PDB file of N, CA and C in Angstrom:
ATOM      1  N   MET A   1       0.823  -1.186   0.000  1.00  0.00           N
ATOM      2  CA  MET A   1       0.000   0.000   0.000  1.00  0.00           C
ATOM      3  C   MET A   1       0.868   1.250   0.000  1.00  0.00           C
ATOM      4  N   TRP A   2       1.807   1.292  -0.818  1.00  0.00           N
ATOM      5  CA  TRP A   2       2.647   2.478  -0.930  1.00  0.00           C
ATOM      6  C   TRP A   2       2.483   3.048  -2.306  1.00  0.00           C
ATOM      7  N   PRO A   3       2.368   4.265  -2.581  1.00  0.00           N
ATOM      8  CA  PRO A   3       2.490   5.357  -1.626  1.00  0.00           C
ATOM      9  C   PRO A   3       1.281   5.450  -0.696  1.00  0.00           C
ATOM     10  N   MET A   4       1.496   6.146   0.408  1.00  0.00           N
ATOM     11  CA  MET A   4       0.477   6.297   1.430  1.00  0.00           C
ATOM     12  C   MET A   4      -0.708   7.086   0.860  1.00  0.00           C
ATOM     13  N   PRO A   5      -1.934   6.646   1.138  1.00  0.00           N
ATOM     14  CA  PRO A   5      -3.103   7.398   0.670  1.00  0.00           C
ATOM     15  C   PRO A   5      -3.122   8.798   1.263  1.00  0.00           C
ATOM     16  N   ARG A   6      -3.593   9.760   0.489  1.00  0.00           N
ATOM     17  CA  ARG A   6      -3.607  11.154   0.929  1.00  0.00           C
ATOM     18  C   ARG A   6      -4.378  11.349   2.236  1.00  0.00           C
ATOM     19  N   ASN A   7      -5.449  10.609   2.441  1.00  0.00           N
ATOM     20  CA  ASN A   7      -6.230  10.792   3.656  1.00  0.00           C
ATOM     21  C   ASN A   7      -5.484  10.312   4.909  1.00  0.00           C
ATOM     22  N   SER A   8      -4.365   9.630   4.758  1.00  0.00           N
ATOM     23  CA  SER A   8      -3.564   9.191   5.899  1.00  0.00           C
ATOM     24  C   SER A   8      -2.520  10.221   6.303  1.00  0.00           C
ATOM     25  N   MET A   9      -2.215  11.164   5.460  1.00  0.00           N
ATOM     26  CA  MET A   9      -1.144  12.116   5.719  1.00  0.00           C
ATOM     27  C   MET A   9      -1.326  12.951   6.983  1.00  0.00           C
ATOM     28  N   PRO A  10      -2.508  13.517   7.289  1.00  0.00           N
ATOM     29  CA  PRO A  10      -2.613  14.316   8.517  1.00  0.00           C
ATOM     30  C   PRO A  10      -2.256  13.516   9.768  1.00  0.00           C
ATOM     31  N   THR A  11      -2.679  12.261   9.846  1.00  0.00           N
ATOM     32  CA  THR A  11      -2.346  11.421  10.995  1.00  0.00           C
ATOM     33  C   THR A  11      -0.845  11.180  11.042  1.00  0.00           C
ATOM     34  N   TRP A  12      -0.268  10.892   9.900  1.00  0.00           N
ATOM     35  CA  TRP A  12       1.166  10.639   9.841  1.00  0.00           C
ATOM     36  C   TRP A  12       1.943  11.870  10.285  1.00  0.00           C
ATOM     37  N   LYS A  13       1.560  13.051   9.832  1.00  0.00           N
ATOM     38  CA  LYS A  13       2.248  14.280  10.235  1.00  0.00           C
ATOM     39  C   LYS A  13       2.098  14.512  11.737  1.00  0.00           C
ATOM     40  N   TRP A  14       0.917  14.241  12.299  1.00  0.00           N
ATOM     41  CA  TRP A  14       0.705  14.416  13.724  1.00  0.00           C
ATOM     42  C   TRP A  14       1.609  13.472  14.520  1.00  0.00           C
ATOM     43  N   MET A  15       1.686  12.233  14.095  1.00  0.00           N
ATOM     44  CA  MET A  15       2.522  11.264  14.786  1.00  0.00           C
ATOM     45  C   MET A  15       3.986  11.674  14.707  1.00  0.00           C
ATOM     46  N   SER A  16       4.405  12.139  13.584  1.00  0.00           N
ATOM     47  CA  SER A  16       5.785  12.547  13.405  1.00  0.00           C
ATOM     48  C   SER A  16       6.124  13.715  14.319  1.00  0.00           C
ATOM     49  N   ALA A  17       5.241  14.693  14.433  1.00  0.00           N
ATOM     50  CA  ALA A  17       5.484  15.861  15.276  1.00  0.00           C
ATOM     51  C   ALA A  17       5.565  15.465  16.746  1.00  0.00           C
ATOM     52  N   SER A  18       4.698  14.574  17.207  1.00  0.00           N
ATOM     53  CA  SER A  18       4.720  14.186  18.616  1.00  0.00           C
ATOM     54  C   SER A  18       5.966  13.382  18.938  1.00  0.00           C
ATOM     55  N   MET A  19       6.428  12.583  18.015  1.00  0.00           N
ATOM     56  CA  MET A  19       7.616  11.779  18.244  1.00  0.00           C
ATOM     57  C   MET A  19       8.864  12.663  18.319  1.00  0.00           C
ATOM     58  N   ALA A  20       8.865  13.781  17.613  1.00  0.00           N
ATOM     59  CA  ALA A  20      10.013  14.686  17.619  1.00  0.00           C
ATOM     60  C   ALA A  20      10.194  15.340  18.983  1.00  0.00           C
ATOM     61  N   ASP A  21       9.125  15.450  19.772  1.00  0.00           N
ATOM     62  CA  ASP A  21       9.198  16.074  21.087  1.00  0.00           C
ATOM     63  C   ASP A  21       9.792  15.149  22.149  1.00  0.00           C
ATOM     64  N   GLU A  22       9.849  13.859  21.875  1.00  0.00           N
ATOM     65  CA  GLU A  22      10.366  12.904  22.844  1.00  0.00           C
ATOM     66  C   GLU A  22      11.892  12.938  22.819  1.00  0.00           C
ATOM     67  N   PRO A  23      12.529  12.836  23.991  1.00  0.00           N
ATOM     68  CA  PRO A  23      13.993  12.823  24.006  1.00  0.00           C
ATOM     69  C   PRO A  23      14.532  11.561  23.337  1.00  0.00           C
ATOM     70  N   GLN A  24      15.666  11.711  22.695  1.00  0.00           N
ATOM     71  CA  GLN A  24      16.306  10.559  22.069  1.00  0.00           C
ATOM     72  C   GLN A  24      16.792   9.611  23.157  1.00  0.00           C
ATOM     73  N   PRO A  25      16.657   8.300  22.951  1.00  0.00           N
ATOM     74  CA  PRO A  25      17.145   7.348  23.949  1.00  0.00           C
ATOM     75  C   PRO A  25      18.654   7.516  24.143  1.00  0.00           C
ATOM     76  N   ILE A  26      19.104   7.285  25.344  1.00  0.00           N
ATOM     77  CA  ILE A  26      20.528   7.352  25.648  1.00  0.00           C
ATOM     78  C   ILE A  26      21.074   5.936  25.605  1.00  0.00           C
ATOM     79  N   ALA A  27      22.012   5.712  24.715  1.00  0.00           N
ATOM     80  CA  ALA A  27      22.608   4.388  24.567  1.00  0.00           C
ATOM     81  C   ALA A  27      23.527   4.091  25.742  1.00  0.00           C
ATOM     82  N   SER A  28      23.635   2.830  26.067  1.00  0.00           N
ATOM     83  CA  SER A  28      24.548   2.414  27.124  1.00  0.00           C
ATOM     84  C   SER A  28      25.977   2.774  26.720  1.00  0.00           C
ATOM     85  N   PRO A  29      26.759   3.289  27.664  1.00  0.00           N
ATOM     86  CA  PRO A  29      28.151   3.622  27.354  1.00  0.00           C
ATOM     87  C   PRO A  29      29.091   2.410  27.385  1.00  0.00           C
ATOM     88  N   CYS A  30      28.546   1.224  27.515  1.00  0.00           N
ATOM     89  CA  CYS A  30      29.358   0.004  27.591  1.00  0.00           C
ATOM     90  C   CYS A  30      30.273  -0.112  26.372  1.00  0.00           C
ATOM     91  N   VAL A  31      31.526  -0.448  26.630  1.00  0.00           N
ATOM     92  CA  VAL A  31      32.496  -0.660  25.551  1.00  0.00           C
ATOM     93  C   VAL A  31      33.007  -2.100  25.559  1.00  0.00           C
ATOM     94  N   SER A  32      32.290  -2.983  26.223  1.00  0.00           N
ATOM     95  CA  SER A  32      32.604  -4.417  26.296  1.00  0.00           C
ATOM     96  C   SER A  32      33.960  -4.718  26.923  1.00  0.00           C
ATOM     97  N   ILE A  33      34.387  -3.872  27.842  1.00  0.00           N
ATOM     98  CA  ILE A  33      35.567  -4.139  28.673  1.00  0.00           C
ATOM     99  C   ILE A  33      35.033  -4.116  30.104  1.00  0.00           C
ATOM    100  N   CYS A  34      34.450  -5.220  30.506  1.00  0.00           N
ATOM    101  CA  CYS A  34      33.684  -5.264  31.745  1.00  0.00           C
ATOM    102  C   CYS A  34      34.510  -5.830  32.896  1.00  0.00           C
ATOM    103  N   ALA A  35      35.016  -4.939  33.707  1.00  0.00           N
ATOM    104  CA  ALA A  35      35.743  -5.338  34.908  1.00  0.00           C
ATOM    105  C   ALA A  35      35.625  -4.197  35.907  1.00  0.00           C
ATOM    106  N   LEU A  36      35.243  -4.521  37.125  1.00  0.00           N
ATOM    107  CA  LEU A  36      35.101  -3.509  38.172  1.00  0.00           C
ATOM    108  C   LEU A  36      36.400  -3.381  38.950  1.00  0.00           C
ATOM    109  N   ASP A  37      36.793  -2.141  39.226  1.00  0.00           N
ATOM    110  CA  ASP A  37      37.998  -1.919  40.036  1.00  0.00           C
ATOM    111  C   ASP A  37      37.645  -2.004  41.518  1.00  0.00           C
ATOM    112  N   GLU A  38      38.597  -1.668  42.372  1.00  0.00           N
ATOM    113  CA  GLU A  38      38.382  -1.778  43.826  1.00  0.00           C
ATOM    114  C   GLU A  38      37.340  -0.798  44.348  1.00  0.00           C
ATOM    115  N   ASN A  39      36.978   0.206  43.538  1.00  0.00           N
ATOM    116  CA  ASN A  39      35.952   1.180  43.939  1.00  0.00           C
ATOM    117  C   ASN A  39      34.592   0.890  43.307  1.00  0.00           C
ATOM    118  N   ASP A  40      34.437  -0.297  42.713  1.00  0.00           N
ATOM    119  CA  ASP A  40      33.191  -0.708  42.054  1.00  0.00           C
ATOM    120  C   ASP A  40      32.903   0.131  40.806  1.00  0.00           C
ATOM    121  N   ILE A  41      33.956   0.614  40.129  1.00  0.00           N
ATOM    122  CA  ILE A  41      33.825   1.376  38.894  1.00  0.00           C
ATOM    123  C   ILE A  41      34.331   0.507  37.753  1.00  0.00           C
ATOM    124  N   CYS A  42      33.563   0.410  36.694  1.00  0.00           N
ATOM    125  CA  CYS A  42      33.970  -0.378  35.532  1.00  0.00           C
ATOM    126  C   CYS A  42      35.151   0.317  34.852  1.00  0.00           C
ATOM    127  N   VAL A  43      36.189  -0.439  34.546  1.00  0.00           N
ATOM    128  CA  VAL A  43      37.370   0.137  33.907  1.00  0.00           C
ATOM    129  C   VAL A  43      37.127   0.436  32.429  1.00  0.00           C
ATOM    130  N   GLY A  44      36.020  -0.037  31.885  1.00  0.00           N
ATOM    131  CA  GLY A  44      35.701   0.227  30.481  1.00  0.00           C
ATOM    132  C   GLY A  44      34.800   1.425  30.287  1.00  0.00           C
ATOM    133  N   CYS A  45      33.677   1.459  31.000  1.00  0.00           N
ATOM    134  CA  CYS A  45      32.680   2.521  30.775  1.00  0.00           C
ATOM    135  C   CYS A  45      32.581   3.526  31.925  1.00  0.00           C
ATOM    136  N   PHE A  46      33.257   3.258  33.028  1.00  0.00           N
ATOM    137  CA  PHE A  46      33.296   4.146  34.196  1.00  0.00           C
ATOM    138  C   PHE A  46      31.949   4.331  34.892  1.00  0.00           C
ATOM    139  N   ARG A  47      31.068   3.348  34.738  1.00  0.00           N
ATOM    140  CA  ARG A  47      29.847   3.332  35.542  1.00  0.00           C
ATOM    141  C   ARG A  47      30.100   2.455  36.761  1.00  0.00           C
ATOM    142  N   THR A  48      29.300   2.644  37.797  1.00  0.00           N
ATOM    143  CA  THR A  48      29.403   1.764  38.964  1.00  0.00           C
ATOM    144  C   THR A  48      28.688   0.455  38.647  1.00  0.00           C
ATOM    145  N   GLY A  49      28.990  -0.543  39.439  1.00  0.00           N
ATOM    146  CA  GLY A  49      28.307  -1.827  39.275  1.00  0.00           C
ATOM    147  C   GLY A  49      26.802  -1.675  39.411  1.00  0.00           C
ATOM    148  N   GLY A  50      26.376  -0.817  40.347  1.00  0.00           N
ATOM    149  CA  GLY A  50      24.947  -0.565  40.535  1.00  0.00           C
ATOM    150  C   GLY A  50      24.313   0.080  39.315  1.00  0.00           C
ATOM    151  N   GLU A  51      25.004   1.044  38.731  1.00  0.00           N
ATOM    152  CA  GLU A  51      24.462   1.722  37.539  1.00  0.00           C
ATOM    153  C   GLU A  51      24.365   0.770  36.358  1.00  0.00           C
ATOM    154  N   ILE A  52      25.361  -0.098  36.234  1.00  0.00           N
ATOM    155  CA  ILE A  52      25.337  -1.083  35.146  1.00  0.00           C
ATOM    156  C   ILE A  52      24.145  -2.013  35.312  1.00  0.00           C
ATOM    157  N   SER A  53      23.932  -2.473  36.540  1.00  0.00           N
ATOM    158  CA  SER A  53      22.884  -3.472  36.769  1.00  0.00           C
ATOM    159  C   SER A  53      21.471  -2.913  36.589  1.00  0.00           C
ATOM    160  N   ILE A  54      21.279  -1.596  36.754  1.00  0.00           N
ATOM    161  CA  ILE A  54      19.927  -1.046  36.620  1.00  0.00           C
ATOM    162  C   ILE A  54      19.777  -0.126  35.408  1.00  0.00           C
ATOM    163  N   TRP A  55      20.745  -0.107  34.507  1.00  0.00           N
ATOM    164  CA  TRP A  55      20.715   0.817  33.369  1.00  0.00           C
ATOM    165  C   TRP A  55      19.367   0.796  32.651  1.00  0.00           C
ATOM    166  N   GLY A  56      18.834  -0.353  32.367  1.00  0.00           N
ATOM    167  CA  GLY A  56      17.575  -0.465  31.636  1.00  0.00           C
ATOM    168  C   GLY A  56      16.368   0.060  32.403  1.00  0.00           C
ATOM    169  N   LEU A  57      16.490   0.223  33.699  1.00  0.00           N
ATOM    170  CA  LEU A  57      15.387   0.716  34.528  1.00  0.00           C
ATOM    171  C   LEU A  57      15.466   2.211  34.796  1.00  0.00           C
ATOM    172  N   LEU A  58      16.609   2.834  34.488  1.00  0.00           N
ATOM    173  CA  LEU A  58      16.789   4.253  34.781  1.00  0.00           C
ATOM    174  C   LEU A  58      15.944   5.128  33.866  1.00  0.00           C
ATOM    175  N   SER A  59      15.489   6.233  34.398  1.00  0.00           N
ATOM    176  CA  SER A  59      14.763   7.218  33.594  1.00  0.00           C
ATOM    177  C   SER A  59      15.755   7.946  32.687  1.00  0.00           C
ATOM    178  N   HIS A  60      15.242   8.705  31.753  1.00  0.00           N
ATOM    179  CA  HIS A  60      16.096   9.480  30.857  1.00  0.00           C
ATOM    180  C   HIS A  60      16.981  10.434  31.668  1.00  0.00           C
ATOM    181  N   ALA A  61      16.395  11.122  32.648  1.00  0.00           N
ATOM    182  CA  ALA A  61      17.148  12.062  33.482  1.00  0.00           C
ATOM    183  C   ALA A  61      18.234  11.346  34.290  1.00  0.00           C
ATOM    184  N   GLU A  62      17.931  10.161  34.792  1.00  0.00           N
ATOM    185  CA  GLU A  62      18.924   9.406  35.552  1.00  0.00           C
ATOM    186  C   GLU A  62      20.077   8.967  34.660  1.00  0.00           C
ATOM    187  N   LYS A  63      19.766   8.542  33.438  1.00  0.00           N
ATOM    188  CA  LYS A  63      20.821   8.164  32.487  1.00  0.00           C
ATOM    189  C   LYS A  63      21.684   9.375  32.149  1.00  0.00           C
ATOM    190  N   GLN A  64      21.065  10.549  31.986  1.00  0.00           N
ATOM    191  CA  GLN A  64      21.833  11.768  31.738  1.00  0.00           C
ATOM    192  C   GLN A  64      22.791  12.037  32.897  1.00  0.00           C
ATOM    193  N   GLU A  65      22.326  11.819  34.112  1.00  0.00           N
ATOM    194  CA  GLU A  65      23.168  12.050  35.279  1.00  0.00           C
ATOM    195  C   GLU A  65      24.332  11.066  35.326  1.00  0.00           C
ATOM    196  N   VAL A  66      24.085   9.810  34.992  1.00  0.00           N
ATOM    197  CA  VAL A  66      25.177   8.829  34.921  1.00  0.00           C
ATOM    198  C   VAL A  66      26.199   9.299  33.885  1.00  0.00           C
ATOM    199  N   MET A  67      25.717   9.723  32.717  1.00  0.00           N
ATOM    200  CA  MET A  67      26.619  10.174  31.650  1.00  0.00           C
ATOM    201  C   MET A  67      27.405  11.417  32.078  1.00  0.00           C
ATOM    202  N   ARG A  68      26.818  12.272  32.901  1.00  0.00           N
ATOM    203  CA  ARG A  68      27.514  13.460  33.399  1.00  0.00           C
ATOM    204  C   ARG A  68      28.642  13.081  34.358  1.00  0.00           C
ATOM    205  N   ARG A  69      28.438  12.012  35.109  1.00  0.00           N
ATOM    206  CA  ARG A  69      29.432  11.599  36.102  1.00  0.00           C
ATOM    207  C   ARG A  69      30.601  10.819  35.500  1.00  0.00           C
ATOM    208  N   ILE A  70      30.410  10.226  34.334  1.00  0.00           N
ATOM    209  CA  ILE A  70      31.463   9.404  33.731  1.00  0.00           C
ATOM    210  C   ILE A  70      32.766  10.186  33.527  1.00  0.00           C
ATOM    211  N   PRO A  71      32.749  11.378  32.921  1.00  0.00           N
ATOM    212  CA  PRO A  71      34.021  12.102  32.755  1.00  0.00           C
ATOM    213  C   PRO A  71      34.694  12.450  34.085  1.00  0.00           C
ATOM    214  N   LEU A  72      33.888  12.697  35.120  1.00  0.00           N
ATOM    215  CA  LEU A  72      34.451  12.967  36.442  1.00  0.00           C
ATOM    216  C   LEU A  72      35.235  11.757  36.938  1.00  0.00           C
ATOM    217  N   ARG A  73      34.636  10.590  36.796  1.00  0.00           N
ATOM    218  CA  ARG A  73      35.295   9.361  37.239  1.00  0.00           C
ATOM    219  C   ARG A  73      36.539   9.080  36.402  1.00  0.00           C
ATOM    220  N   MET A  74      36.470   9.384  35.112  1.00  0.00           N
ATOM    221  CA  MET A  74      37.631   9.182  34.241  1.00  0.00           C
ATOM    222  C   MET A  74      38.813  10.036  34.708  1.00  0.00           C
ATOM    223  N   ASP A  75      38.510  11.200  35.264  1.00  0.00           N
ATOM    224  CA  ASP A  75      39.545  12.101  35.764  1.00  0.00           C
ATOM    225  C   ASP A  75      39.939  11.805  37.207  1.00  0.00           C
ATOM    226  N   GLY A  76      39.384  10.729  37.771  1.00  0.00           N
ATOM    227  CA  GLY A  76      39.733  10.329  39.122  1.00  0.00           C
ATOM    228  C   GLY A  76      38.977  11.042  40.222  1.00  0.00           C
ATOM    229  N   GLU A  77      37.980  11.824  39.852  1.00  0.00           N
ATOM    230  CA  GLU A  77      37.188  12.537  40.854  1.00  0.00           C
ATOM    231  C   GLU A  77      36.107  11.610  41.414  1.00  0.00           C
ATOM    232  N   PRO A  78      35.747  11.800  42.677  1.00  0.00           N
ATOM    233  CA  PRO A  78      34.665  10.983  43.225  1.00  0.00           C
ATOM    234  C   PRO A  78      33.321  11.396  42.626  1.00  0.00           C
ATOM    235  N   ALA A  79      32.560  10.430  42.222  1.00  0.00           N
ATOM    236  CA  ALA A  79      31.214  10.676  41.689  1.00  0.00           C
ATOM    237  C   ALA A  79      30.354   9.493  42.109  1.00  0.00           C
ATOM    238  N   PRO A  80      29.583   9.629  43.176  1.00  0.00           N
ATOM    239  CA  PRO A  80      28.833   8.503  43.706  1.00  0.00           C
ATOM    240  C   PRO A  80      27.850   7.907  42.701  1.00  0.00           C
ATOM    241  N   CYS A  81      27.473   6.703  42.999  1.00  0.00           N
ATOM    242  CA  CYS A  81      26.538   5.950  42.156  1.00  0.00           C
ATOM    243  C   CYS A  81      25.185   6.648  42.071  1.00  0.00           C
ATOM    244  N   VAL A  82      24.624   6.643  40.879  1.00  0.00           N
ATOM    245  CA  VAL A  82      23.255   7.123  40.694  1.00  0.00           C
ATOM    246  C   VAL A  82      22.342   5.945  41.008  1.00  0.00           C
ATOM    247  N   VAL A  83      21.586   6.064  42.078  1.00  0.00           N
ATOM    248  CA  VAL A  83      20.665   4.987  42.451  1.00  0.00           C
ATOM    249  C   VAL A  83      19.278   5.577  42.642  1.00  0.00           C
ATOM    250  N   ARG A  84      18.285   4.764  42.389  1.00  0.00           N
ATOM    251  CA  ARG A  84      16.903   5.200  42.565  1.00  0.00           C
ATOM    252  C   ARG A  84      16.550   5.229  44.041  1.00  0.00           C
ATOM    253  N   LYS A  85      15.872   6.266  44.430  1.00  0.00           N
ATOM    254  CA  LYS A  85      15.341   6.342  45.788  1.00  0.00           C
ATOM    255  C   LYS A  85      13.972   5.664  45.780  1.00  0.00           C
ATOM    256  N   ARG A  86      13.798   4.673  46.596  1.00  0.00           N
ATOM    257  CA  ARG A  86      12.524   3.932  46.593  1.00  0.00           C
ATOM    258  C   ARG A  86      11.631   4.410  47.678  1.00  0.00           C
TER     259      ARG A  86
END
């Protein structure tokens, strides 16, 4: 059924506009070098073991916060684990 019938275009445009407002998913920073150091920080992606284990459950904002802390950890600065408050 291609090309799309003209009467379908308004719905398609509406769907496209609403999808553009959603934030882009944040990909896992995993680089497949998975080993935790003595501080529970992965030597490959610089996430904590806790952050790695719950990555799929984190909200977009929580993932952004993990990504913000990674460069700090790479520079040797303390950056505590992002964990959900229950």
